[in-house]
Amino acid sequence: MTGLKQIIHIYYKEMGKLTELKPFSSLIDTLQNEPSISIDIVKQCLYNIDNQQNLNAFVRTYDEEALATAAQVTHKLHQQKAGKLAGMVVGIKDLLCYQDHPVQASSKILEGFVSQFSATCVQRLVDEDAIIIGHQNCDEFGMGSSNENSAFGPVRNAIDTTRVPGGSSGGSAVAVQADMCHVALGTDTGGSVRQPAAFCGIIGLKPTYSRISRHGMIAYASSFDTIGIFAKDIRDCATVLEVVAGADTFDSTVSKQPVPHYSDYLTFGKKAKIAYLKETLAYTGLQDEIRLHTTATMDALKQAGHQVEAIDFPLLEYVLPTYYVLTTAEASANLARLDGVRYGYRSPSAHTIEELYTKTRSEGFGQEVQRRILLGAFVLGANHYEDCYIKAKKIRRLIKDKLQAILSDYDFILLPTTPSTAFKIGFNAHDPLAMYWADVYTTLASVAGLPAISIPNGTDHQNLPIGLQIIANSFEETHLLGFANYIMQLPKKI
């Protein structure tokens, strides 16, 4: 144990247990009146991280640096010159660059790589005096639905350590779940924020594609990748979104639409018109208790005077195949740059240029990443380009148009976040297709680029969390956050 961690243990030794981290939004007044508490909060987070190392949520923590930043924040608070997030402790997924810090995408192939710049979203947090406490474990390059595909080993769910936390942002979800930080930034390509949020019983927001700059994010599938936010408190989620969202000269794909003050829109006073897709509740793989809790929420909304209607969505069966065809194609192109020549891991047993490429990539990439690269190369091949890749792009357009047509008539679409609660580690290890079907509900918003949020919606008979997903129209995060906050406070009968 380092000297620093000994100090932290002495600080908390009388407690004898893990300490609950209060939401940042509830600490703002306290931080203004007692600025030095920001140092205590960082110590509390480091204590919780150190005492829950078995969860494997972090790949590296920045202990001394976080405490030094907290001291600077304390000084700024005394001078009344602190930023909007002064005192907020944030963890970042190991796909987001942080200047002069290692970033590895939880992969052997980026071993030893140190970023020369910060991702725009990370820099915006730092500029508002957030305290970055460390990088969090994830599925390698964001490819996975359970956080078992990591060079650093699997992440474990804090509720039941024999179960997965969901993926690919599992470390980020568990860090928030287990009070290791107030908020975590993850990435969501096909559900990698919403699915782990559901499995861990917290809030997970995927904003509209292009709402947050992707500059400094290690790419998986560039036309899907979205930076998302984990929190226990929806106000914390909204506050972070209004800091990190918006135009960026480093990212030509990011939206230039104005960024609302999202935390001012957390009340929902009107009667909503809500759609649910018949096919989502009729899906044979849906766990009965999730169906029960989802319908109970819809019944509560009806009783509160909202209009909830079932609609047909026959394209649902095409969403997941479309997602995997397109994302693997993009992944095979994005990861081609990792060849052992310029940076990262290089095979020590390579003697020719051909061996350098083949051995580096076969030794550096994990099995799931290799599988997706090969699948992507297959669908982009001359014999399959038209009937796989081009056809998937056309279907994507149909799905997007259909969803936007629904949302032109309805305020929101409601559906489960996942077909099951958190499954056992290793349960789907030998069945990749079964693992892919864990994304059946989350890929819908991803294919269309729409904003979606997962919120807690009860538990099953094993006390495992159930998530409810809400989808809104593009750039309607103000309504999405307000409605999500409303539902979380709505009484329900099971």
Protein backbone atom coordinates (compact mmCIF):
# COMPACT_ATOMS: atom_id res chain seq x y z
CA MET A 1 0.00 0.00 0.00
CA THR A 2 1.37 3.43 -0.93
CA GLY A 3 1.83 6.15 1.66
CA LEU A 4 -1.05 8.08 0.16
CA LYS A 5 -3.44 5.15 0.47
CA GLN A 6 -2.30 4.58 4.06
CA ILE A 7 -3.30 8.17 4.80
CA ILE A 8 -6.68 7.62 3.19
CA HIS A 9 -7.24 4.44 5.21
CA ILE A 10 -6.34 6.26 8.42
CA TYR A 11 -8.78 8.99 7.41
CA TYR A 12 -11.63 6.50 7.16
CA LYS A 13 -10.55 3.76 9.54
CA GLU A 14 -13.15 4.67 12.16
CA MET A 15 -15.93 4.14 9.63
CA GLY A 16 -14.98 0.52 9.08
CA LYS A 17 -17.09 0.30 5.93
CA LEU A 18 -17.53 1.73 2.46
CA THR A 19 -18.99 5.21 2.48
CA GLU A 20 -21.96 6.37 0.44
CA LEU A 21 -21.15 9.14 -2.02
CA LYS A 22 -23.79 11.85 -2.10
CA PRO A 23 -24.83 13.18 -5.53
CA PHE A 24 -22.82 16.19 -6.64
CA SER A 25 -25.98 18.26 -7.02
CA SER A 26 -26.70 17.85 -3.30
CA LEU A 27 -23.17 19.01 -2.35
CA ILE A 28 -23.02 22.30 -4.25
CA ASP A 29 -24.09 24.49 -1.32
CA THR A 30 -21.83 22.59 1.06
CA LEU A 31 -18.86 23.04 -1.27
CA GLN A 32 -19.52 26.78 -1.41
CA ASN A 33 -19.63 27.04 2.39
CA GLU A 34 -16.91 24.47 3.15
CA PRO A 35 -14.56 24.38 0.12
CA SER A 36 -12.08 21.99 1.74
CA ILE A 37 -14.69 19.23 1.60
CA SER A 38 -13.65 18.64 -2.03
CA ILE A 39 -10.46 17.03 -0.71
CA ASP A 40 -12.49 14.84 1.64
CA ILE A 41 -14.71 13.73 -1.25
CA VAL A 42 -11.70 12.62 -3.30
CA LYS A 43 -10.33 10.71 -0.31
CA GLN A 44 -13.72 9.07 0.11
CA CYS A 45 -13.74 7.98 -3.55
CA LEU A 46 -10.17 6.65 -3.37
CA TYR A 47 -11.06 4.72 -0.23
CA ASN A 48 -14.05 3.13 -1.97
CA ILE A 49 -11.94 2.28 -5.02
CA ASP A 50 -9.20 0.70 -2.93
CA ASN A 51 -11.64 -1.37 -0.87
CA GLN A 52 -13.46 -2.69 -3.93
CA GLN A 53 -10.54 -3.64 -6.13
CA ASN A 54 -12.19 -7.03 -6.64
CA LEU A 55 -14.75 -5.30 -8.88
CA ASN A 56 -11.92 -4.37 -11.29
CA ALA A 57 -13.67 -1.14 -12.28
CA PHE A 58 -10.53 0.95 -12.82
CA VAL A 59 -7.49 0.15 -14.94
CA ARG A 60 -5.58 3.05 -13.41
CA THR A 61 -6.29 5.76 -10.84
CA TYR A 62 -4.65 9.16 -10.49
CA ASP A 63 -4.52 9.40 -6.71
CA GLU A 64 -1.97 12.15 -6.04
CA GLU A 65 -3.12 14.14 -9.05
CA ALA A 66 -6.78 13.97 -8.00
CA LEU A 67 -5.95 15.19 -4.51
CA ALA A 68 -3.78 17.98 -5.90
CA THR A 69 -6.63 19.03 -8.19
CA ALA A 70 -9.01 18.96 -5.22
CA ALA A 71 -6.66 21.30 -3.36
CA GLN A 72 -6.69 23.67 -6.35
CA VAL A 73 -10.48 23.48 -6.47
CA THR A 74 -10.62 24.33 -2.77
CA HIS A 75 -8.51 27.43 -3.41
CA LYS A 76 -10.72 28.45 -6.35
CA LEU A 77 -13.87 27.96 -4.26
CA HIS A 78 -12.42 30.19 -1.54
CA GLN A 79 -11.79 32.86 -4.18
CA GLN A 80 -15.22 32.30 -5.75
CA LYS A 81 -13.55 31.60 -9.11
CA ALA A 82 -14.40 27.91 -9.40
CA GLY A 83 -16.05 26.29 -12.41
CA LYS A 84 -19.50 24.75 -12.65
CA LEU A 85 -18.25 21.24 -11.75
CA ALA A 86 -15.87 22.21 -8.94
CA GLY A 87 -15.67 19.25 -6.57
CA MET A 88 -17.31 16.72 -8.90
CA VAL A 89 -15.29 13.49 -9.09
CA VAL A 90 -15.39 11.94 -12.56
CA GLY A 91 -14.07 8.69 -14.01
CA ILE A 92 -13.48 8.21 -17.73
CA LYS A 93 -13.69 5.09 -19.85
CA ASP A 94 -10.40 3.72 -21.18
CA LEU A 95 -11.40 4.88 -24.68
CA LEU A 96 -11.12 8.60 -23.89
CA CYS A 97 -7.83 10.45 -24.18
CA TYR A 98 -6.49 12.44 -21.24
CA GLN A 99 -3.37 14.45 -21.93
CA ASP A 100 -0.10 12.93 -20.62
CA HIS A 101 -1.95 9.86 -19.32
CA PRO A 102 -2.01 6.32 -20.71
CA VAL A 103 -5.05 5.25 -22.69
CA GLN A 104 -5.30 1.67 -23.87
CA ALA A 105 -8.88 0.83 -24.91
CA SER A 106 -8.43 -2.08 -22.47
CA SER A 107 -6.37 -3.78 -25.18
CA LYS A 108 -2.89 -5.24 -25.27
CA ILE A 109 -2.27 -3.67 -28.67
CA LEU A 110 -2.18 -0.14 -27.19
CA GLU A 111 0.09 -1.14 -24.33
CA GLY A 112 2.35 1.74 -23.31
CA PHE A 113 0.54 4.41 -25.35
CA VAL A 114 0.33 7.83 -23.67
CA SER A 115 -2.04 10.43 -25.09
CA GLN A 116 -0.60 13.77 -26.20
CA PHE A 117 -3.95 15.57 -25.86
CA SER A 118 -7.28 15.33 -24.08
CA ALA A 119 -10.57 14.40 -25.64
CA THR A 120 -12.76 17.49 -26.02
CA CYS A 121 -15.30 16.14 -23.52
CA VAL A 122 -12.56 15.45 -20.96
CA GLN A 123 -10.98 18.86 -21.45
CA ARG A 124 -14.34 20.57 -20.96
CA LEU A 125 -14.77 18.75 -17.65
CA VAL A 126 -11.29 19.81 -16.54
CA ASP A 127 -11.96 23.41 -17.60
CA GLU A 128 -14.99 23.45 -15.27
CA ASP A 129 -12.87 22.09 -12.39
CA ALA A 130 -14.10 18.49 -12.36
CA ILE A 131 -11.62 16.10 -10.75
CA ILE A 132 -10.58 13.21 -13.00
CA ILE A 133 -9.91 10.25 -10.71
CA GLY A 134 -8.91 7.60 -13.26
CA HIS A 135 -9.52 5.53 -16.37
CA GLN A 136 -12.12 2.76 -16.14
CA ASN A 137 -12.11 -0.79 -17.47
CA CYS A 138 -14.15 -1.65 -20.55
CA ASP A 139 -14.62 -4.25 -23.24
CA GLU A 140 -11.69 -4.03 -25.64
CA PHE A 141 -12.27 -1.13 -28.07
CA GLY A 142 -15.87 -0.99 -26.83
CA MET A 143 -16.70 -4.37 -28.37
CA GLY A 144 -18.82 -6.33 -25.94
CA SER A 145 -21.99 -6.45 -23.88
CA SER A 146 -20.64 -7.79 -20.60
CA ASN A 147 -17.18 -6.28 -19.91
CA GLU A 148 -15.56 -9.70 -20.12
CA ASN A 149 -13.52 -8.81 -23.24
CA SER A 150 -10.82 -6.76 -21.55
CA ALA A 151 -7.05 -7.23 -21.43
CA PHE A 152 -7.37 -6.30 -17.75
CA GLY A 153 -9.91 -9.02 -16.96
CA PRO A 154 -13.66 -8.85 -16.39
CA VAL A 155 -15.45 -6.19 -14.35
CA ARG A 156 -17.81 -7.49 -11.66
CA ASN A 157 -21.23 -6.19 -10.73
CA ALA A 158 -21.20 -4.71 -7.21
CA ILE A 159 -24.64 -6.15 -6.43
CA ASP A 160 -23.52 -9.71 -7.18
CA THR A 161 -19.84 -10.20 -8.01
CA THR A 162 -20.57 -13.44 -9.87
CA ARG A 163 -22.46 -11.41 -12.49
CA VAL A 164 -21.45 -9.07 -15.29
CA PRO A 165 -22.02 -5.31 -15.08
CA GLY A 166 -22.90 -5.07 -18.77
CA GLY A 167 -20.71 -3.63 -21.47
CA SER A 168 -18.84 -2.20 -22.97
CA SER A 169 -18.66 0.61 -20.38
CA GLY A 170 -18.96 -1.79 -17.44
CA GLY A 171 -16.14 -0.28 -15.38
CA SER A 172 -17.66 3.18 -15.66
CA ALA A 173 -21.09 1.88 -14.61
CA VAL A 174 -19.72 -0.03 -11.62
CA ALA A 175 -17.63 2.95 -10.50
CA VAL A 176 -20.79 5.05 -10.22
CA GLN A 177 -22.80 2.14 -8.81
CA ALA A 178 -20.20 1.49 -6.07
CA ASP A 179 -19.63 5.15 -5.09
CA MET A 180 -16.17 5.46 -6.59
CA CYS A 181 -17.06 8.70 -8.42
CA HIS A 182 -20.06 10.98 -8.88
CA VAL A 183 -20.23 10.64 -12.65
CA ALA A 184 -18.48 8.61 -15.34
CA LEU A 185 -18.11 9.18 -19.06
CA GLY A 186 -18.63 6.08 -21.17
CA THR A 187 -19.14 5.48 -24.85
CA ASP A 188 -22.27 4.10 -26.45
CA THR A 189 -22.06 2.57 -29.93
CA GLY A 190 -24.96 0.14 -29.65
CA GLY A 191 -25.98 0.36 -26.01
CA SER A 192 -22.67 0.44 -24.14
CA VAL A 193 -23.89 3.08 -21.68
CA ARG A 194 -27.56 2.15 -21.40
CA GLN A 195 -27.13 -1.62 -21.02
CA PRO A 196 -24.60 -1.46 -18.14
CA ALA A 197 -26.68 1.28 -16.51
CA ALA A 198 -29.63 -1.12 -16.52
CA PHE A 199 -27.57 -4.01 -15.12
CA CYS A 200 -26.14 -1.79 -12.36
CA GLY A 201 -29.31 0.08 -11.40
CA ILE A 202 -28.17 3.59 -12.32
CA ILE A 203 -28.89 6.22 -14.99
CA GLY A 204 -27.23 5.95 -18.39
CA LEU A 205 -27.70 8.63 -21.07
CA LYS A 206 -26.85 8.30 -24.76
CA PRO A 207 -27.34 11.74 -26.32
CA THR A 208 -28.15 12.37 -29.96
CA TYR A 209 -25.35 11.31 -32.30
CA SER A 210 -23.17 14.43 -32.84
CA ARG A 211 -24.40 16.18 -29.67
CA ILE A 212 -20.97 15.59 -28.02
CA SER A 213 -17.66 15.84 -29.88
CA ARG A 214 -15.91 12.54 -30.58
CA HIS A 215 -12.48 14.19 -30.75
CA GLY A 216 -10.13 12.19 -28.55
CA MET A 217 -12.34 9.11 -28.41
CA ILE A 218 -10.75 5.92 -29.71
CA ALA A 219 -13.06 4.87 -32.52
CA TYR A 220 -15.01 1.64 -32.84
CA ALA A 221 -17.69 2.52 -35.44
CA SER A 222 -17.52 6.20 -36.30
CA SER A 223 -21.08 6.70 -37.56
CA PHE A 224 -22.49 5.18 -34.35
CA ASP A 225 -20.03 6.13 -31.57
CA THR A 226 -21.53 8.47 -28.98
CA ILE A 227 -20.11 9.63 -25.66
CA GLY A 228 -22.55 8.99 -22.84
CA ILE A 229 -22.96 9.77 -19.15
CA PHE A 230 -23.48 7.60 -16.05
CA ALA A 231 -24.87 9.03 -12.81
CA LYS A 232 -27.09 8.14 -9.89
CA ASP A 233 -28.76 11.55 -9.94
CA ILE A 234 -30.37 12.89 -13.09
CA ARG A 235 -29.39 16.46 -12.25
CA ASP A 236 -25.72 15.43 -12.27
CA CYS A 237 -26.28 13.84 -15.66
CA ALA A 238 -27.89 17.00 -17.04
CA THR A 239 -25.21 19.28 -15.64
CA VAL A 240 -22.41 17.27 -17.21
CA LEU A 241 -24.22 17.17 -20.56
CA GLU A 242 -24.51 20.95 -20.71
CA VAL A 243 -20.74 21.19 -20.09
CA VAL A 244 -19.49 18.59 -22.58
CA ALA A 245 -21.99 19.06 -25.44
CA GLY A 246 -21.65 21.49 -28.32
CA ALA A 247 -19.64 22.52 -31.34
CA ASP A 248 -15.96 21.68 -31.60
CA THR A 249 -13.44 22.79 -34.21
CA PHE A 250 -11.65 19.45 -33.86
CA ASP A 251 -14.71 17.41 -34.94
CA SER A 252 -16.40 18.27 -38.22
CA THR A 253 -19.28 15.86 -37.50
CA VAL A 254 -20.39 17.46 -34.23
CA SER A 255 -23.60 19.50 -34.22
CA LYS A 256 -23.45 23.27 -33.98
CA GLN A 257 -26.92 23.49 -32.47
CA PRO A 258 -27.03 25.59 -29.28
CA VAL A 259 -26.65 23.68 -26.02
CA PRO A 260 -29.58 24.24 -23.64
CA HIS A 261 -29.16 24.57 -19.89
CA TYR A 262 -30.38 21.00 -19.43
CA SER A 263 -30.54 21.14 -15.63
CA ASP A 264 -33.31 23.76 -15.93
CA TYR A 265 -35.56 21.25 -17.73
CA LEU A 266 -35.90 18.49 -15.16
CA THR A 267 -39.59 19.00 -14.49
CA PHE A 268 -42.26 17.62 -16.79
CA GLY A 269 -45.65 19.26 -16.55
CA LYS A 270 -47.54 18.30 -19.68
CA LYS A 271 -49.45 15.15 -20.63
CA ALA A 272 -47.27 13.05 -22.91
CA LYS A 273 -48.17 10.93 -25.89
CA ILE A 274 -46.12 7.76 -25.62
CA ALA A 275 -45.61 4.85 -28.00
CA TYR A 276 -44.40 1.38 -27.23
CA LEU A 277 -43.43 -1.14 -29.87
CA LYS A 278 -45.54 -4.30 -29.71
CA GLU A 279 -42.64 -6.42 -30.91
CA THR A 280 -40.42 -5.42 -27.97
CA LEU A 281 -42.78 -6.87 -25.37
CA ALA A 282 -43.65 -9.90 -27.53
CA TYR A 283 -39.99 -10.89 -27.92
CA THR A 284 -39.63 -14.49 -26.68
CA GLY A 285 -36.25 -13.80 -25.06
CA LEU A 286 -37.64 -11.10 -22.77
CA GLN A 287 -37.48 -11.98 -19.08
CA ASP A 288 -41.00 -12.09 -17.61
CA GLU A 289 -40.18 -9.77 -14.71
CA ILE A 290 -38.83 -7.11 -17.08
CA ARG A 291 -42.04 -7.32 -19.12
CA LEU A 292 -44.04 -6.99 -15.88
CA HIS A 293 -42.14 -3.93 -14.66
CA THR A 294 -42.26 -2.27 -18.07
CA THR A 295 -46.04 -2.69 -18.38
CA ALA A 296 -46.47 -1.54 -14.77
CA THR A 297 -44.71 1.72 -15.61
CA MET A 298 -46.91 2.17 -18.68
CA ASP A 299 -50.01 1.51 -16.57
CA ALA A 300 -48.86 4.12 -14.05
CA LEU A 301 -48.41 6.62 -16.87
CA LYS A 302 -51.93 5.91 -18.14
CA GLN A 303 -53.36 6.38 -14.65
CA ALA A 304 -51.56 9.71 -14.43
CA GLY A 305 -53.37 10.86 -17.57
CA HIS A 306 -50.75 10.23 -20.23
CA GLN A 307 -51.59 8.60 -23.55
CA VAL A 308 -49.78 5.28 -24.04
CA GLU A 309 -50.35 3.40 -27.30
CA ALA A 310 -49.03 0.21 -28.86
CA ILE A 311 -47.74 0.45 -32.41
CA ASP A 312 -46.33 -2.04 -34.88
CA PHE A 313 -42.64 -1.93 -35.75
CA PRO A 314 -41.96 -4.87 -38.09
CA LEU A 315 -38.42 -3.60 -38.77
CA LEU A 316 -37.31 -4.57 -35.25
CA GLU A 317 -35.97 -7.96 -36.38
CA TYR A 318 -33.63 -6.20 -38.83
CA VAL A 319 -32.15 -3.72 -36.35
CA LEU A 320 -29.55 -5.96 -34.71
CA PRO A 321 -28.23 -7.53 -37.97
CA THR A 322 -28.04 -4.07 -39.55
CA TYR A 323 -26.12 -2.77 -36.55
CA TYR A 324 -23.56 -5.58 -36.58
CA VAL A 325 -22.98 -5.49 -40.33
CA LEU A 326 -22.31 -1.75 -40.31
CA THR A 327 -20.34 -1.50 -37.07
CA THR A 328 -18.04 -4.40 -37.88
CA ALA A 329 -17.37 -2.89 -41.31
CA GLU A 330 -16.44 0.43 -39.72
CA ALA A 331 -14.39 -1.29 -37.01
CA SER A 332 -12.33 -3.22 -39.56
CA ALA A 333 -11.43 0.10 -41.22
CA ASN A 334 -10.81 2.02 -37.99
CA LEU A 335 -8.57 -0.62 -36.43
CA ALA A 336 -6.46 -1.10 -39.55
CA ARG A 337 -4.15 1.65 -38.25
CA LEU A 338 -3.09 -0.54 -35.31
CA ASP A 339 -0.34 -2.56 -36.97
CA GLY A 340 2.65 -2.41 -34.61
CA VAL A 341 4.51 0.08 -36.77
CA ARG A 342 3.75 3.49 -35.28
CA TYR A 343 2.78 2.96 -31.63
CA GLY A 344 1.51 0.43 -29.13
CA TYR A 345 2.32 -3.26 -28.92
CA ARG A 346 4.74 -4.85 -31.42
CA SER A 347 5.25 -8.62 -31.57
CA PRO A 348 8.77 -9.52 -30.39
CA SER A 349 8.79 -12.67 -32.54
CA ALA A 350 8.24 -10.94 -35.91
CA HIS A 351 11.11 -11.17 -38.40
CA THR A 352 9.48 -9.95 -41.63
CA ILE A 353 7.10 -7.10 -42.40
CA GLU A 354 4.30 -9.60 -43.00
CA GLU A 355 4.95 -11.27 -39.63
CA LEU A 356 5.06 -7.85 -37.98
CA TYR A 357 1.48 -7.16 -39.11
CA THR A 358 0.01 -10.61 -38.62
CA LYS A 359 1.67 -11.50 -35.31
CA THR A 360 1.19 -8.07 -33.77
CA ARG A 361 -2.51 -8.05 -34.58
CA SER A 362 -3.17 -11.69 -33.65
CA GLU A 363 -1.30 -11.29 -30.34
CA GLY A 364 -2.45 -7.74 -29.57
CA PHE A 365 -6.17 -8.00 -30.31
CA GLY A 366 -8.48 -10.16 -28.20
CA GLN A 367 -10.72 -12.84 -29.65
CA GLU A 368 -13.88 -10.73 -29.88
CA VAL A 369 -12.11 -7.84 -31.60
CA GLN A 370 -10.54 -10.24 -34.09
CA ARG A 371 -13.96 -11.75 -34.76
CA ARG A 372 -15.49 -8.35 -35.53
CA ILE A 373 -12.57 -7.24 -37.71
CA LEU A 374 -12.88 -10.42 -39.77
CA LEU A 375 -16.65 -10.06 -40.05
CA GLY A 376 -16.21 -6.44 -41.12
CA ALA A 377 -13.64 -7.37 -43.75
CA PHE A 378 -16.04 -10.06 -45.00
CA VAL A 379 -19.01 -7.72 -45.47
CA LEU A 380 -16.79 -5.15 -47.20
CA GLY A 381 -15.36 -7.76 -49.57
CA ALA A 382 -16.13 -7.50 -53.29
CA ASN A 383 -18.43 -10.53 -53.19
CA HIS A 384 -20.57 -9.23 -50.31
CA TYR A 385 -20.33 -5.42 -50.44
CA GLU A 386 -23.62 -4.90 -52.29
CA ASP A 387 -25.76 -7.57 -50.63
CA CYS A 388 -24.40 -6.99 -47.09
CA TYR A 389 -22.94 -3.54 -46.50
CA ILE A 390 -24.96 -1.47 -48.98
CA LYS A 391 -28.18 -3.31 -48.12
CA ALA A 392 -27.56 -2.68 -44.39
CA LYS A 393 -27.10 1.04 -45.06
CA LYS A 394 -30.45 1.12 -46.88
CA ILE A 395 -32.18 -0.70 -44.04
CA ARG A 396 -30.61 1.72 -41.57
CA ARG A 397 -32.25 4.59 -43.44
CA LEU A 398 -35.63 2.82 -43.34
CA ILE A 399 -35.32 2.25 -39.59
CA LYS A 400 -34.34 5.86 -38.96
CA ASP A 401 -37.15 7.22 -41.10
CA LYS A 402 -39.72 4.97 -39.42
CA LEU A 403 -38.62 5.96 -35.91
CA GLN A 404 -38.63 9.65 -36.75
CA ALA A 405 -42.11 9.26 -38.25
CA ILE A 406 -43.26 7.73 -34.95
CA LEU A 407 -41.61 10.53 -32.97
CA SER A 408 -43.26 13.17 -35.12
CA ASP A 409 -46.57 11.90 -33.73
CA TYR A 410 -45.48 10.76 -30.26
CA ASP A 411 -43.31 12.46 -27.63
CA PHE A 412 -41.43 9.33 -26.58
CA ILE A 413 -40.94 5.64 -27.26
CA LEU A 414 -40.81 3.35 -24.21
CA LEU A 415 -39.20 -0.09 -24.16
CA PRO A 416 -37.07 -2.29 -21.91
CA THR A 417 -33.35 -1.52 -21.87
CA THR A 418 -32.31 -5.18 -21.88
CA PRO A 419 -34.04 -8.54 -22.44
CA SER A 420 -32.64 -9.92 -19.16
CA THR A 421 -31.10 -8.75 -15.92
CA ALA A 422 -27.36 -9.18 -15.34
CA PHE A 423 -26.23 -12.69 -16.24
CA LYS A 424 -23.44 -14.75 -14.73
CA ILE A 425 -19.85 -14.14 -15.78
CA GLY A 426 -19.00 -16.69 -18.46
CA PHE A 427 -22.65 -17.52 -19.16
CA ASN A 428 -22.44 -16.53 -22.84
CA ALA A 429 -18.71 -17.05 -23.28
CA HIS A 430 -19.09 -19.77 -25.92
CA ASP A 431 -22.09 -18.31 -27.72
CA PRO A 432 -21.29 -14.95 -29.39
CA LEU A 433 -24.76 -14.72 -30.95
CA ALA A 434 -26.44 -15.00 -27.55
CA MET A 435 -24.19 -12.18 -26.33
CA TYR A 436 -25.09 -10.03 -29.32
CA TRP A 437 -28.81 -10.45 -28.58
CA ALA A 438 -28.22 -8.65 -25.26
CA ASP A 439 -28.19 -5.50 -27.44
CA VAL A 440 -31.55 -6.17 -29.10
CA TYR A 441 -33.29 -3.16 -27.52
CA THR A 442 -30.45 -0.65 -27.29
CA THR A 443 -29.28 -0.82 -30.92
CA LEU A 444 -32.59 0.70 -32.05
CA ALA A 445 -31.69 4.24 -30.94
CA SER A 446 -28.08 3.75 -32.05
CA VAL A 447 -28.95 2.81 -35.62
CA ALA A 448 -31.14 5.93 -35.86
CA GLY A 449 -28.76 8.23 -33.97
CA LEU A 450 -31.51 9.18 -31.51
CA PRO A 451 -31.10 10.18 -27.85
CA ALA A 452 -32.04 7.53 -25.32
CA ILE A 453 -31.78 7.04 -21.59
CA SER A 454 -31.94 4.03 -19.28
CA ILE A 455 -33.38 4.58 -15.82
CA PRO A 456 -33.88 2.15 -12.91
CA ASN A 457 -37.25 0.41 -13.04
CA GLY A 458 -37.37 -1.99 -10.12
CA THR A 459 -35.65 -5.32 -9.49
CA ASP A 460 -36.28 -8.98 -10.23
CA HIS A 461 -36.70 -11.79 -7.67
CA GLN A 462 -32.90 -11.95 -7.24
CA ASN A 463 -32.74 -8.22 -6.46
CA LEU A 464 -31.05 -7.57 -9.79
CA PRO A 465 -31.85 -4.16 -11.32
CA ILE A 466 -34.22 -3.72 -14.26
CA GLY A 467 -33.83 -0.83 -16.69
CA LEU A 468 -36.46 1.14 -18.59
CA GLN A 469 -35.39 2.83 -21.82
CA ILE A 470 -36.87 6.05 -23.18
CA ILE A 471 -36.16 7.28 -26.72
CA ALA A 472 -36.82 10.84 -27.88
CA ASN A 473 -36.42 12.66 -31.17
CA SER A 474 -33.07 14.13 -32.22
CA PHE A 475 -31.73 16.90 -29.95
CA GLU A 476 -34.71 16.58 -27.60
CA GLU A 477 -32.56 15.83 -24.54
CA THR A 478 -34.34 18.56 -22.57
CA HIS A 479 -37.66 16.68 -22.81
CA LEU A 480 -35.95 13.30 -22.42
CA LEU A 481 -34.25 14.22 -19.14
CA GLY A 482 -37.35 15.89 -17.73
CA PHE A 483 -39.59 12.94 -18.59
CA ALA A 484 -37.06 10.44 -17.24
CA ASN A 485 -36.94 12.37 -13.97
CA TYR A 486 -40.74 12.39 -13.86
CA ILE A 487 -40.99 8.61 -14.38
CA MET A 488 -38.39 7.92 -11.68
CA GLN A 489 -40.68 9.65 -9.17
CA LEU A 490 -43.91 8.09 -10.45
CA PRO A 491 -45.58 5.60 -8.04
CA LYS A 492 -45.97 2.15 -9.63
CA LYS A 493 -47.85 -0.98 -8.66
CA ILE A 494 -46.41 -4.43 -9.40
